[in-house]
Structure formats: structure tokens, C-alpha cells
Amino acid sequence: LNLVPEPNWSTLREIKVYKKYRTEGKHILEAEWDMVGDALLPNCPECLESRPDYESKGWVSRKGFIKDRPVDNAPLFIDLKSRKYQCEHCGKTFGSGHPDLKKHSNLTIALIRHIVEHSVGKETHASIARRTGVHESTVRKYLKKRTDELNRGRDRHISEALGIDGVKAGNSYTDETDKNEGELSTVVASLRGEKTSVIG
């Protein structure tokens, strides 16, 4: 295995890059990650045996490329192979997701942050999508998720600042999730200028 010298570009920790090239306007890395070798899986995930003996069952390629933060305004795709192991205590064969990837996603956590940070600026969603190699709808999805998180946090802080905690107003509770005839009836909703039920 011939390792490529640093920098390896990727935000995935502990991977070993052995090939790097550019094609069709994007950067490609071919890399390996050995979770047990990096001591990230001390116990068997099946039998929970503490530090059992593991037998290597070879390398497995992840389905599809992992997408990481762009390099020189071009998408960075990673073909990542990880080693599969078998627990000699229970016989279970297993692999594991990399800690810098969201579960069931082919986007690195760093790329998601990059998308959100740039989508609130002047850059268009189409431009971000081109630079990162994701679909424009993916850019919009992560921006919406972040906006929703910020709105929930703002409402929570308003409630905390006013000392509101399930206070009853009229015939309904001032809890953002409670509804009276399909309308929000909360002090928080009133502060946000939303339509609320009559209190009294």
C-alpha cells in the first residue's frame, strides 16, 4: 500500500489515503479506514465482550462515494474501504460507520456544516451544489433543518426568559405543541406575531 503524502484533503480522521486524482471537475480520494486498528471499537457490538480477539474478514467498499468539503472549489469524493471483522467470542461479523459521517448518510459532518454556512450568505444554492457535488435540493434541506433548529432554540429561550413552563392561559396550556382548534395558543406564538386563540 503506497500512502499519499499529506495533505490528504479529507476531514475524515484516521483514514489512509493511497490514491488521489482529479477527473471530470472533481477530486477523488481512494482510502482505507481500519476501525479496530485505531481503537475505535473496543467491545464487540453483538456480545459486548470486552476487547475480544478479532479475525479480519477483508476489506469492504462503502456503497457510493462519500462527499467531503470541496477542495479548490471542486467537489471531493472519497471511495472508502473499511475492514470487516469477526468476533472470535460470538462469531458475529461486523463493520462500523466512520465517526465523522452522519448515520445513513454519504456526506461528512464537515460538508454539512460547510453547506449550511455558505447557504446563509450571498452564494446561490445552485453554486453551492456545483462546488460540493450534491443536489440543490440537498442544500435547501440542510438550510431548512438549521433554520428550524434556530427557531426552536429562539422560542425555547423566549419561554425561559419569561419563566413560562406549562402555564395555563384560558382553556389551553401555553405549550408550543398544544393546540386549541388547530391554532397555537402560546405566549411564544404571540411574541412571534402568529395568530393565537383568545386568552381569558
Protein backbone atom coordinates (compact mmCIF):
# COMPACT_ATOMS: atom_id res chain seq x y z
CA LEU A 1 0.00 0.00 0.00
CA ASN A 2 1.57 3.30 -1.11
CA LEU A 3 0.23 6.14 1.03
CA VAL A 4 -0.21 9.59 -0.49
CA PRO A 5 1.72 12.29 1.40
CA GLU A 6 -0.18 14.91 3.41
CA PRO A 7 -2.25 16.96 2.97
CA ASN A 8 -4.88 14.33 2.21
CA TRP A 9 -7.67 16.98 1.91
CA SER A 10 -10.30 14.93 3.72
CA THR A 11 -11.90 15.84 7.04
CA LEU A 12 -12.28 12.13 7.88
CA ARG A 13 -9.89 11.40 10.72
CA GLU A 14 -7.51 8.44 10.68
CA ILE A 15 -8.10 7.39 7.08
CA LYS A 16 -5.17 6.21 4.99
CA VAL A 17 -5.22 7.75 1.52
CA TYR A 18 -3.44 5.71 -1.14
CA LYS A 19 -4.65 7.34 -4.35
CA LYS A 20 -5.63 10.88 -5.26
CA TYR A 21 -6.67 12.22 -8.66
CA ARG A 22 -8.92 14.72 -10.42
CA THR A 23 -11.44 13.78 -13.07
CA GLU A 24 -14.47 15.45 -14.66
CA GLY A 25 -14.15 18.51 -12.44
CA LYS A 26 -13.96 16.69 -9.12
CA HIS A 27 -11.27 15.34 -6.80
CA ILE A 28 -11.28 11.63 -5.96
CA LEU A 29 -9.57 10.00 -2.99
CA GLU A 30 -9.22 6.26 -2.56
CA ALA A 31 -8.69 5.45 1.08
CA GLU A 32 -8.94 2.85 3.82
CA TRP A 33 -10.08 3.04 7.41
CA ASP A 34 -9.37 0.37 9.99
CA MET A 35 -11.63 1.00 12.98
CA VAL A 36 -10.11 -1.65 15.24
CA GLY A 37 -6.58 -0.64 14.39
CA ASP A 38 -7.49 2.88 15.50
CA ALA A 39 -9.00 1.55 18.75
CA LEU A 40 -12.45 2.96 17.99
CA LEU A 41 -14.29 -0.28 18.70
CA PRO A 42 -13.02 -1.81 21.95
CA ASN A 43 -16.04 -4.09 22.54
CA CYS A 44 -17.91 -6.45 20.24
CA PRO A 45 -21.16 -4.70 19.20
CA GLU A 46 -23.05 -8.04 19.35
CA CYS A 47 -21.98 -9.85 22.53
CA LEU A 48 -20.35 -6.80 24.17
CA GLU A 49 -17.34 -8.88 25.09
CA SER A 50 -14.69 -6.51 26.36
CA ARG A 51 -11.82 -6.33 23.88
CA PRO A 52 -12.27 -9.79 22.35
CA ASP A 53 -9.95 -11.25 19.74
CA TYR A 54 -10.99 -10.21 16.24
CA GLU A 55 -10.37 -12.00 12.98
CA SER A 56 -10.08 -9.86 9.85
CA LYS A 57 -12.61 -10.77 7.16
CA GLY A 58 -11.19 -8.47 4.46
CA TRP A 59 -11.99 -5.02 3.17
CA VAL A 60 -15.43 -3.79 2.13
CA SER A 61 -16.14 -0.78 -0.09
CA ARG A 62 -18.83 1.59 1.04
CA LYS A 63 -21.76 1.81 -1.37
CA GLY A 64 -21.28 5.03 -3.35
CA PHE A 65 -18.79 7.82 -2.80
CA ILE A 66 -18.54 9.78 0.43
CA LYS A 67 -18.74 13.52 -0.23
CA ASP A 68 -16.48 15.82 1.76
CA ARG A 69 -15.78 19.58 1.84
CA PRO A 70 -14.76 20.93 -1.59
CA VAL A 71 -11.09 21.44 -2.47
CA ASP A 72 -10.20 24.41 -4.70
CA ASN A 73 -13.93 24.96 -5.33
CA ALA A 74 -14.33 21.45 -6.75
CA PRO A 75 -16.22 18.52 -5.16
CA LEU A 76 -14.24 15.99 -3.12
CA PHE A 77 -15.43 12.38 -3.39
CA ILE A 78 -13.95 9.55 -1.33
CA ASP A 79 -14.02 5.86 -2.16
CA LEU A 80 -13.61 4.49 1.37
CA LYS A 81 -12.90 0.87 2.17
CA SER A 82 -13.23 -0.33 5.76
CA ARG A 83 -12.12 -3.61 7.23
CA LYS A 84 -14.72 -6.13 8.39
CA TYR A 85 -14.06 -8.18 11.49
CA GLN A 86 -15.41 -11.29 13.16
CA CYS A 87 -15.60 -11.58 16.93
CA GLU A 88 -13.96 -14.84 17.95
CA HIS A 89 -16.08 -14.94 21.10
CA CYS A 90 -19.55 -14.94 19.46
CA GLY A 91 -18.78 -15.26 15.73
CA LYS A 92 -20.56 -12.01 14.76
CA THR A 93 -19.17 -10.29 11.65
CA PHE A 94 -19.38 -6.52 11.76
CA GLY A 95 -18.17 -3.21 10.43
CA SER A 96 -18.88 0.30 11.61
CA GLY A 97 -19.63 3.76 10.34
CA HIS A 98 -16.89 6.36 10.49
CA PRO A 99 -17.34 8.83 13.40
CA ASP A 100 -17.11 11.84 11.05
CA LEU A 101 -20.09 10.67 8.99
CA LYS A 102 -23.75 11.02 9.89
CA LYS A 103 -25.50 7.67 10.19
CA HIS A 104 -27.10 6.54 6.90
CA SER A 105 -25.53 9.45 5.03
CA ASN A 106 -22.76 9.75 2.46
CA LEU A 107 -22.00 13.34 3.50
CA THR A 108 -19.31 14.16 6.04
CA ILE A 109 -20.33 16.25 9.05
CA ALA A 110 -17.83 18.88 7.86
CA LEU A 111 -19.53 19.08 4.44
CA ILE A 112 -22.96 19.55 6.03
CA ARG A 113 -21.57 22.42 8.13
CA HIS A 114 -19.96 23.90 5.01
CA ILE A 115 -23.26 23.76 3.10
CA VAL A 116 -25.17 25.46 5.93
CA GLU A 117 -22.55 28.18 6.44
CA HIS A 118 -22.45 29.09 2.75
CA SER A 119 -26.21 28.83 2.14
CA VAL A 120 -26.92 31.73 4.51
CA GLY A 121 -24.57 34.04 2.59
CA LYS A 122 -24.75 35.55 -0.87
CA GLU A 123 -23.80 32.38 -2.75
CA THR A 124 -26.67 30.73 -4.62
CA HIS A 125 -27.81 27.24 -3.76
CA ALA A 126 -27.02 26.16 -7.32
CA SER A 127 -23.41 27.35 -6.92
CA ILE A 128 -23.00 25.54 -3.58
CA ALA A 129 -24.42 22.38 -5.14
CA ARG A 130 -21.92 22.56 -8.02
CA ARG A 131 -18.93 23.13 -5.72
CA THR A 132 -19.87 20.33 -3.31
CA GLY A 133 -21.22 17.72 -5.74
CA VAL A 134 -24.63 17.49 -4.04
CA HIS A 135 -28.07 18.18 -5.46
CA GLU A 136 -29.50 21.66 -4.99
CA SER A 137 -32.40 20.16 -3.01
CA THR A 138 -29.83 18.80 -0.52
CA VAL A 139 -28.53 22.34 0.05
CA ARG A 140 -32.08 23.55 0.71
CA LYS A 141 -32.80 20.59 3.01
CA TYR A 142 -29.86 21.28 5.32
CA LEU A 143 -30.53 25.02 5.36
CA LYS A 144 -34.15 24.32 6.38
CA LYS A 145 -33.02 21.92 9.12
CA ARG A 146 -30.66 24.54 10.54
CA THR A 147 -33.31 27.28 10.32
CA ASP A 148 -35.81 25.05 12.14
CA GLU A 149 -33.22 24.31 14.86
CA LEU A 150 -32.55 28.03 15.35
CA ASN A 151 -36.27 28.83 15.51
CA ARG A 152 -36.88 26.10 18.12
CA GLY A 153 -33.96 27.42 20.16
CA ARG A 154 -35.21 31.02 19.94
CA ASP A 155 -38.70 30.01 21.10
CA ARG A 156 -37.24 27.99 23.98
CA HIS A 157 -35.11 30.95 25.12
CA ILE A 158 -38.11 33.31 24.97
CA SER A 159 -40.09 30.88 27.13
CA GLU A 160 -37.22 30.51 29.60
CA ALA A 161 -36.69 34.28 29.81
CA LEU A 162 -40.38 34.81 30.62
CA GLY A 163 -40.46 31.91 33.09
CA ILE A 164 -43.12 30.08 31.09
CA ASP A 165 -43.48 26.40 31.89
CA GLY A 166 -46.87 24.91 31.10
CA VAL A 167 -48.78 27.96 32.39
CA LYS A 168 -52.49 27.74 31.68
CA ALA A 169 -53.98 30.56 29.62
CA GLY A 170 -57.72 30.42 29.21
CA ASN A 171 -58.69 26.89 28.31
CA SER A 172 -55.32 25.78 26.93
CA TYR A 173 -51.73 25.43 28.07
CA THR A 174 -49.06 27.80 26.83
CA ASP A 175 -47.01 24.96 25.47
CA GLU A 176 -45.90 25.46 21.87
CA THR A 177 -47.03 21.97 20.91
CA ASP A 178 -50.56 22.26 22.38
CA LYS A 179 -53.22 23.46 20.01
CA ASN A 180 -56.71 24.83 20.51
CA GLU A 181 -58.94 24.35 17.49
CA GLY A 182 -55.90 23.97 15.25
CA GLU A 183 -54.28 27.26 16.31
CA LEU A 184 -51.26 27.87 18.51
CA SER A 185 -52.27 29.38 21.83
CA THR A 186 -48.94 30.31 23.35
CA VAL A 187 -47.25 33.40 24.62
CA VAL A 188 -44.32 32.42 22.44
CA ALA A 189 -46.58 32.36 19.38
CA SER A 190 -47.92 35.80 20.32
CA LEU A 191 -44.40 37.18 20.55
CA ARG A 192 -43.69 35.73 17.12
CA GLY A 193 -46.76 37.53 15.73
CA GLU A 194 -48.63 34.31 14.95
CA LYS A 195 -52.40 34.01 15.24
CA THR A 196 -53.38 32.77 18.68
CA SER A 197 -56.56 31.83 20.50
CA VAL A 198 -58.22 34.40 22.73
CA ILE A 199 -56.94 34.20 26.31
CA GLY A 200 -59.47 34.78 29.05
